PDB file of all heavy atoms in Angstrom:
ATOM      1  N   GLY A   1      66.815  21.774 169.737  1.00  0.00           N
ATOM      2  CA  GLY A   1      67.683  20.823 170.403  1.00  0.00           C
ATOM      3  C   GLY A   1      66.967  19.535 170.769  1.00  0.00           C
ATOM      4  O   GLY A   1      67.604  18.561 171.158  1.00  0.00           O
ATOM      5  N   TYR A   2      65.650  19.551 170.642  1.00  0.00           N
ATOM      6  CA  TYR A   2      64.839  18.371 170.924  1.00  0.00           C
ATOM      7  C   TYR A   2      64.208  17.899 169.624  1.00  0.00           C
ATOM      8  O   TYR A   2      63.586  18.677 168.917  1.00  0.00           O
ATOM      9  CB  TYR A   2      63.739  18.681 171.933  1.00  0.00           C
ATOM     10  CG  TYR A   2      64.254  19.064 173.301  1.00  0.00           C
ATOM     11  CD1 TYR A   2      64.482  20.408 173.624  1.00  0.00           C
ATOM     12  CD2 TYR A   2      64.517  18.107 174.262  1.00  0.00           C
ATOM     13  CE1 TYR A   2      64.960  20.769 174.871  1.00  0.00           C
ATOM     14  CE2 TYR A   2      64.995  18.463 175.519  1.00  0.00           C
ATOM     15  CZ  TYR A   2      65.212  19.794 175.805  1.00  0.00           C
ATOM     16  OH  TYR A   2      65.691  20.151 177.040  1.00  0.00           O
ATOM     17  N   ALA A   3      64.385  16.618 169.329  1.00  0.00           N
ATOM     18  CA  ALA A   3      63.872  16.099 168.067  1.00  0.00           C
ATOM     19  C   ALA A   3      62.882  14.958 168.256  1.00  0.00           C
ATOM     20  O   ALA A   3      62.347  14.432 167.293  1.00  0.00           O
ATOM     21  CB  ALA A   3      65.028  15.616 167.184  1.00  0.00           C
ATOM     22  N   GLY A   4      62.634  14.579 169.492  1.00  0.00           N
ATOM     23  CA  GLY A   4      61.771  13.440 169.748  1.00  0.00           C
ATOM     24  C   GLY A   4      60.303  13.729 169.508  1.00  0.00           C
ATOM     25  O   GLY A   4      59.864  14.877 169.507  1.00  0.00           O
ATOM     26  N   ALA A   5      59.551  12.652 169.343  1.00  0.00           N
ATOM     27  CA  ALA A   5      58.109  12.783 169.126  1.00  0.00           C
ATOM     28  C   ALA A   5      57.416  13.226 170.402  1.00  0.00           C
ATOM     29  O   ALA A   5      57.796  12.826 171.508  1.00  0.00           O
ATOM     30  CB  ALA A   5      57.526  11.445 168.663  1.00  0.00           C
ATOM     31  N   ASN A   6      56.405  14.078 170.227  1.00  0.00           N
ATOM     32  CA  ASN A   6      55.503  14.478 171.320  1.00  0.00           C
ATOM     33  C   ASN A   6      56.196  15.250 172.441  1.00  0.00           C
ATOM     34  O   ASN A   6      55.628  15.394 173.526  1.00  0.00           O
ATOM     35  CB  ASN A   6      54.790  13.256 171.908  1.00  0.00           C
ATOM     36  CG  ASN A   6      53.996  12.496 170.874  1.00  0.00           C
ATOM     37  OD1 ASN A   6      53.636  13.037 169.821  1.00  0.00           O
ATOM     38  ND2 ASN A   6      53.728  11.232 171.151  1.00  0.00           N
ATOM     39  N   ASP A   7      57.377  15.766 172.186  1.00  0.00           N
ATOM     40  CA  ASP A   7      58.062  16.567 173.192  1.00  0.00           C
ATOM     41  C   ASP A   7      57.521  17.989 173.144  1.00  0.00           C
ATOM     42  O   ASP A   7      57.528  18.621 172.088  1.00  0.00           O
ATOM     43  CB  ASP A   7      59.570  16.572 172.927  1.00  0.00           C
ATOM     44  CG  ASP A   7      60.341  17.303 173.999  1.00  0.00           C
ATOM     45  OD1 ASP A   7      60.351  18.553 173.964  1.00  0.00           O
ATOM     46  OD2 ASP A   7      60.914  16.643 174.879  1.00  0.00           O
ATOM     47  N   PRO A   8      57.043  18.529 174.267  1.00  0.00           N
ATOM     48  CA  PRO A   8      56.453  19.873 174.250  1.00  0.00           C
ATOM     49  C   PRO A   8      57.394  20.939 173.710  1.00  0.00           C
ATOM     50  O   PRO A   8      56.977  21.824 172.962  1.00  0.00           O
ATOM     51  CB  PRO A   8      56.106  20.129 175.726  1.00  0.00           C
ATOM     52  CG  PRO A   8      55.939  18.766 176.308  1.00  0.00           C
ATOM     53  CD  PRO A   8      56.944  17.897 175.602  1.00  0.00           C
ATOM     54  N   GLY A   9      58.678  20.870 174.088  1.00  0.00           N
ATOM     55  CA  GLY A   9      59.627  21.854 173.586  1.00  0.00           C
ATOM     56  C   GLY A   9      59.829  21.752 172.093  1.00  0.00           C
ATOM     57  O   GLY A   9      59.947  22.763 171.393  1.00  0.00           O
ATOM     58  N   ALA A  10      59.854  20.526 171.581  1.00  0.00           N
ATOM     59  CA  ALA A  10      60.075  20.313 170.152  1.00  0.00           C
ATOM     60  C   ALA A  10      58.868  20.701 169.319  1.00  0.00           C
ATOM     61  O   ALA A  10      58.994  20.999 168.132  1.00  0.00           O
ATOM     62  CB  ALA A  10      60.430  18.846 169.888  1.00  0.00           C
ATOM     63  N   LEU A  11      57.685  20.717 169.917  1.00  0.00           N
ATOM     64  CA  LEU A  11      56.472  21.063 169.179  1.00  0.00           C
ATOM     65  C   LEU A  11      56.217  22.558 169.133  1.00  0.00           C
ATOM     66  O   LEU A  11      55.371  23.024 168.371  1.00  0.00           O
ATOM     67  CB  LEU A  11      55.264  20.355 169.806  1.00  0.00           C
ATOM     68  CG  LEU A  11      55.187  18.850 169.558  1.00  0.00           C
ATOM     69  CD1 LEU A  11      54.114  18.220 170.430  1.00  0.00           C
ATOM     70  CD2 LEU A  11      54.924  18.562 168.084  1.00  0.00           C
ATOM     71  N   GLY A  12      56.942  23.346 169.925  1.00  0.00           N
ATOM     72  CA  GLY A  12      56.726  24.782 169.964  1.00  0.00           C
ATOM     73  C   GLY A  12      55.525  25.138 170.811  1.00  0.00           C
ATOM     74  O   GLY A  12      54.985  24.303 171.548  1.00  0.00           O
ATOM     75  N   THR A  13      55.073  26.377 170.684  1.00  0.00           N
ATOM     76  CA  THR A  13      53.964  26.846 171.523  1.00  0.00           C
ATOM     77  C   THR A  13      52.739  27.246 170.712  1.00  0.00           C
ATOM     78  O   THR A  13      51.838  27.899 171.230  1.00  0.00           O
ATOM     79  CB  THR A  13      54.416  28.046 172.371  1.00  0.00           C
ATOM     80  OG1 THR A  13      54.869  29.099 171.505  1.00  0.00           O
ATOM     81  CG2 THR A  13      55.540  27.664 173.319  1.00  0.00           C
ATOM     82  N   GLY A  14      52.696  26.855 169.434  1.00  0.00           N
ATOM     83  CA  GLY A  14      51.587  27.251 168.571  1.00  0.00           C
ATOM     84  C   GLY A  14      50.627  26.119 168.263  1.00  0.00           C
ATOM     85  O   GLY A  14      50.467  25.172 169.035  1.00  0.00           O
ATOM     86  N   TYR A  15      50.001  26.205 167.104  1.00  0.00           N
ATOM     87  CA  TYR A  15      48.941  25.255 166.748  1.00  0.00           C
ATOM     88  C   TYR A  15      49.408  23.803 166.684  1.00  0.00           C
ATOM     89  O   TYR A  15      48.624  22.895 167.027  1.00  0.00           O
ATOM     90  CB  TYR A  15      48.241  25.677 165.448  1.00  0.00           C
ATOM     91  CG  TYR A  15      49.030  25.436 164.189  1.00  0.00           C
ATOM     92  CD1 TYR A  15      48.912  24.244 163.484  1.00  0.00           C
ATOM     93  CD2 TYR A  15      49.889  26.412 163.683  1.00  0.00           C
ATOM     94  CE1 TYR A  15      49.633  24.022 162.327  1.00  0.00           C
ATOM     95  CE2 TYR A  15      50.604  26.204 162.529  1.00  0.00           C
ATOM     96  CZ  TYR A  15      50.479  25.011 161.849  1.00  0.00           C
ATOM     97  OH  TYR A  15      51.202  24.789 160.698  1.00  0.00           O
ATOM     98  N   PRO A  16      50.670  23.481 166.289  1.00  0.00           N
ATOM     99  CA  PRO A  16      51.066  22.062 166.327  1.00  0.00           C
ATOM    100  C   PRO A  16      50.972  21.465 167.726  1.00  0.00           C
ATOM    101  O   PRO A  16      50.521  20.322 167.889  1.00  0.00           O
ATOM    102  CB  PRO A  16      52.511  22.095 165.810  1.00  0.00           C
ATOM    103  CG  PRO A  16      52.560  23.299 164.924  1.00  0.00           C
ATOM    104  CD  PRO A  16      51.715  24.316 165.647  1.00  0.00           C
ATOM    105  N   LEU A  17      51.393  22.217 168.733  1.00  0.00           N
ATOM    106  CA  LEU A  17      51.284  21.728 170.107  1.00  0.00           C
ATOM    107  C   LEU A  17      49.827  21.534 170.496  1.00  0.00           C
ATOM    108  O   LEU A  17      49.466  20.530 171.135  1.00  0.00           O
ATOM    109  CB  LEU A  17      51.955  22.703 171.070  1.00  0.00           C
ATOM    110  CG  LEU A  17      51.805  22.369 172.567  1.00  0.00           C
ATOM    111  CD1 LEU A  17      52.510  21.068 172.902  1.00  0.00           C
ATOM    112  CD2 LEU A  17      52.335  23.503 173.436  1.00  0.00           C
ATOM    113  N   LEU A  18      48.958  22.464 170.119  1.00  0.00           N
ATOM    114  CA  LEU A  18      47.546  22.367 170.478  1.00  0.00           C
ATOM    115  C   LEU A  18      46.883  21.183 169.785  1.00  0.00           C
ATOM    116  O   LEU A  18      46.087  20.458 170.401  1.00  0.00           O
ATOM    117  CB  LEU A  18      46.830  23.667 170.118  1.00  0.00           C
ATOM    118  CG  LEU A  18      47.326  24.927 170.831  1.00  0.00           C
ATOM    119  CD1 LEU A  18      46.551  26.142 170.354  1.00  0.00           C
ATOM    120  CD2 LEU A  18      47.210  24.779 172.340  1.00  0.00           C
ATOM    121  N   VAL A  19      47.204  20.975 168.514  1.00  0.00           N
ATOM    122  CA  VAL A  19      46.653  19.820 167.795  1.00  0.00           C
ATOM    123  C   VAL A  19      47.123  18.525 168.425  1.00  0.00           C
ATOM    124  O   VAL A  19      46.330  17.615 168.703  1.00  0.00           O
ATOM    125  CB  VAL A  19      47.062  19.861 166.308  1.00  0.00           C
ATOM    126  CG1 VAL A  19      46.727  18.536 165.620  1.00  0.00           C
ATOM    127  CG2 VAL A  19      46.373  21.003 165.582  1.00  0.00           C
ATOM    128  N   ALA A  20      48.440  18.429 168.663  1.00  0.00           N
ATOM    129  CA  ALA A  20      49.003  17.207 169.231  1.00  0.00           C
ATOM    130  C   ALA A  20      48.439  16.923 170.617  1.00  0.00           C
ATOM    131  O   ALA A  20      48.077  15.779 170.933  1.00  0.00           O
ATOM    132  CB  ALA A  20      50.524  17.318 169.294  1.00  0.00           C
ATOM    133  N   SER A  21      48.333  17.950 171.448  1.00  0.00           N
ATOM    134  CA  SER A  21      47.846  17.762 172.809  1.00  0.00           C
ATOM    135  C   SER A  21      46.427  17.199 172.817  1.00  0.00           C
ATOM    136  O   SER A  21      46.116  16.251 173.544  1.00  0.00           O
ATOM    137  CB  SER A  21      47.878  19.095 173.574  1.00  0.00           C
ATOM    138  OG  SER A  21      49.190  19.587 173.669  1.00  0.00           O
ATOM    139  N   ALA A  22      45.562  17.783 171.998  1.00  0.00           N
ATOM    140  CA  ALA A  22      44.168  17.334 171.959  1.00  0.00           C
ATOM    141  C   ALA A  22      44.046  15.937 171.361  1.00  0.00           C
ATOM    142  O   ALA A  22      43.279  15.102 171.853  1.00  0.00           O
ATOM    143  CB  ALA A  22      43.329  18.330 171.169  1.00  0.00           C
ATOM    144  N   ALA A  23      44.807  15.665 170.292  1.00  0.00           N
ATOM    145  CA  ALA A  23      44.723  14.346 169.655  1.00  0.00           C
ATOM    146  C   ALA A  23      45.259  13.251 170.565  1.00  0.00           C
ATOM    147  O   ALA A  23      44.685  12.155 170.640  1.00  0.00           O
ATOM    148  CB  ALA A  23      45.499  14.366 168.340  1.00  0.00           C
ATOM    149  N   LEU A  24      46.350  13.529 171.271  1.00  0.00           N
ATOM    150  CA  LEU A  24      46.907  12.534 172.192  1.00  0.00           C
ATOM    151  C   LEU A  24      45.953  12.282 173.355  1.00  0.00           C
ATOM    152  O   LEU A  24      45.820  11.149 173.837  1.00  0.00           O
ATOM    153  CB  LEU A  24      48.271  13.005 172.697  1.00  0.00           C
ATOM    154  CG  LEU A  24      49.383  13.029 171.635  1.00  0.00           C
ATOM    155  CD1 LEU A  24      50.603  13.770 172.166  1.00  0.00           C
ATOM    156  CD2 LEU A  24      49.763  11.602 171.222  1.00  0.00           C
ATOM    157  N   ARG A  25      45.265  13.319 173.790  1.00  0.00           N
ATOM    158  CA  ARG A  25      44.262  13.160 174.843  1.00  0.00           C
ATOM    159  C   ARG A  25      43.109  12.287 174.369  1.00  0.00           C
ATOM    160  O   ARG A  25      42.626  11.410 175.108  1.00  0.00           O
ATOM    161  CB  ARG A  25      43.730  14.533 175.249  1.00  0.00           C
ATOM    162  CG  ARG A  25      42.580  14.505 176.269  1.00  0.00           C
ATOM    163  CD  ARG A  25      41.820  15.816 176.235  1.00  0.00           C
ATOM    164  NE  ARG A  25      41.169  16.022 174.933  1.00  0.00           N
ATOM    165  CZ  ARG A  25      40.825  17.208 174.450  1.00  0.00           C
ATOM    166  NH1 ARG A  25      41.084  18.307 175.130  1.00  0.00           N
ATOM    167  NH2 ARG A  25      40.223  17.300 173.271  1.00  0.00           N
ATOM    168  N   ASP A  26      42.666  12.520 173.152  1.00  0.00           N
ATOM    169  CA  ASP A  26      41.476  11.844 172.647  1.00  0.00           C
ATOM    170  C   ASP A  26      41.751  10.442 172.119  1.00  0.00           C
ATOM    171  O   ASP A  26      40.810   9.658 171.941  1.00  0.00           O
ATOM    172  CB  ASP A  26      40.842  12.671 171.528  1.00  0.00           C
ATOM    173  CG  ASP A  26      40.226  13.967 172.038  1.00  0.00           C
ATOM    174  OD1 ASP A  26      40.105  14.125 173.274  1.00  0.00           O
ATOM    175  OD2 ASP A  26      39.888  14.826 171.192  1.00  0.00           O
ATOM    176  N   HIS A  27      43.011  10.130 171.820  1.00  0.00           N
ATOM    177  CA  HIS A  27      43.328   8.819 171.237  1.00  0.00           C
ATOM    178  C   HIS A  27      44.422   8.102 172.028  1.00  0.00           C
ATOM    179  O   HIS A  27      45.440   7.692 171.464  1.00  0.00           O
ATOM    180  CB  HIS A  27      43.761   8.992 169.777  1.00  0.00           C
ATOM    181  CG  HIS A  27      42.734   9.658 168.926  1.00  0.00           C
ATOM    182  ND1 HIS A  27      41.583   9.024 168.519  1.00  0.00           N
ATOM    183  CD2 HIS A  27      42.663  10.917 168.429  1.00  0.00           C
ATOM    184  CE1 HIS A  27      40.852   9.857 167.791  1.00  0.00           C
ATOM    185  NE2 HIS A  27      41.485  11.010 167.714  1.00  0.00           N
ATOM    186  N   PRO A  28      44.245   7.920 173.325  1.00  0.00           N
ATOM    187  CA  PRO A  28      45.244   7.176 174.096  1.00  0.00           C
ATOM    188  C   PRO A  28      45.290   5.733 173.606  1.00  0.00           C
ATOM    189  O   PRO A  28      44.272   5.149 173.259  1.00  0.00           O
ATOM    190  CB  PRO A  28      44.711   7.270 175.527  1.00  0.00           C
ATOM    191  CG  PRO A  28      43.244   7.435 175.373  1.00  0.00           C
ATOM    192  CD  PRO A  28      43.063   8.280 174.145  1.00  0.00           C
ATOM    193  N   GLY A  29      46.459   5.183 173.562  1.00  0.00           N
ATOM    194  CA  GLY A  29      46.589   3.815 173.084  1.00  0.00           C
ATOM    195  C   GLY A  29      46.882   3.721 171.608  1.00  0.00           C
ATOM    196  O   GLY A  29      47.308   2.670 171.120  1.00  0.00           O
ATOM    197  N   ASP A  30      46.661   4.821 170.864  1.00  0.00           N
ATOM    198  CA  ASP A  30      46.999   4.816 169.434  1.00  0.00           C
ATOM    199  C   ASP A  30      48.482   5.121 169.214  1.00  0.00           C
ATOM    200  O   ASP A  30      48.999   4.928 168.116  1.00  0.00           O
ATOM    201  CB  ASP A  30      46.162   5.849 168.677  1.00  0.00           C
ATOM    202  CG  ASP A  30      44.736   5.367 168.444  1.00  0.00           C
ATOM    203  OD1 ASP A  30      44.418   4.224 168.831  1.00  0.00           O
ATOM    204  OD2 ASP A  30      43.938   6.139 167.890  1.00  0.00           O
ATOM    205  N   TRP A  31      49.128   5.642 170.248  1.00  0.00           N
ATOM    206  CA  TRP A  31      50.563   5.930 170.204  1.00  0.00           C
ATOM    207  C   TRP A  31      50.933   6.772 168.986  1.00  0.00           C
ATOM    208  O   TRP A  31      51.898   6.497 168.281  1.00  0.00           O
ATOM    209  CB  TRP A  31      51.381   4.634 170.222  1.00  0.00           C
ATOM    210  CG  TRP A  31      51.046   3.779 171.395  1.00  0.00           C
ATOM    211  CD1 TRP A  31      50.332   2.624 171.399  1.00  0.00           C
ATOM    212  CD2 TRP A  31      51.393   4.025 172.765  1.00  0.00           C
ATOM    213  NE1 TRP A  31      50.198   2.122 172.674  1.00  0.00           N
ATOM    214  CE2 TRP A  31      50.846   2.966 173.544  1.00  0.00           C
ATOM    215  CE3 TRP A  31      52.105   5.042 173.429  1.00  0.00           C
ATOM    216  CZ2 TRP A  31      50.977   2.897 174.918  1.00  0.00           C
ATOM    217  CZ3 TRP A  31      52.253   4.964 174.800  1.00  0.00           C
ATOM    218  CH2 TRP A  31      51.690   3.898 175.527  1.00  0.00           C
ATOM    219  N   LEU A  32      50.127   7.803 168.754  1.00  0.00           N
ATOM    220  CA  LEU A  32      50.433   8.731 167.673  1.00  0.00           C
ATOM    221  C   LEU A  32      51.708   9.501 168.002  1.00  0.00           C
ATOM    222  O   LEU A  32      51.980   9.816 169.161  1.00  0.00           O
ATOM    223  CB  LEU A  32      49.272   9.700 167.464  1.00  0.00           C
ATOM    224  CG  LEU A  32      47.925   9.069 167.119  1.00  0.00           C
ATOM    225  CD1 LEU A  32      46.846  10.143 167.049  1.00  0.00           C
ATOM    226  CD2 LEU A  32      48.000   8.297 165.809  1.00  0.00           C
TER     227      LEU A  32
END
């Protein structure tokens, strides 16, 4: 039901969420 970028619910609870969380932490300002 959620289709937006970087939404925790839309990313699920597996490796995509973990990858996204770490990359967003490490690259603030890149607006990935």
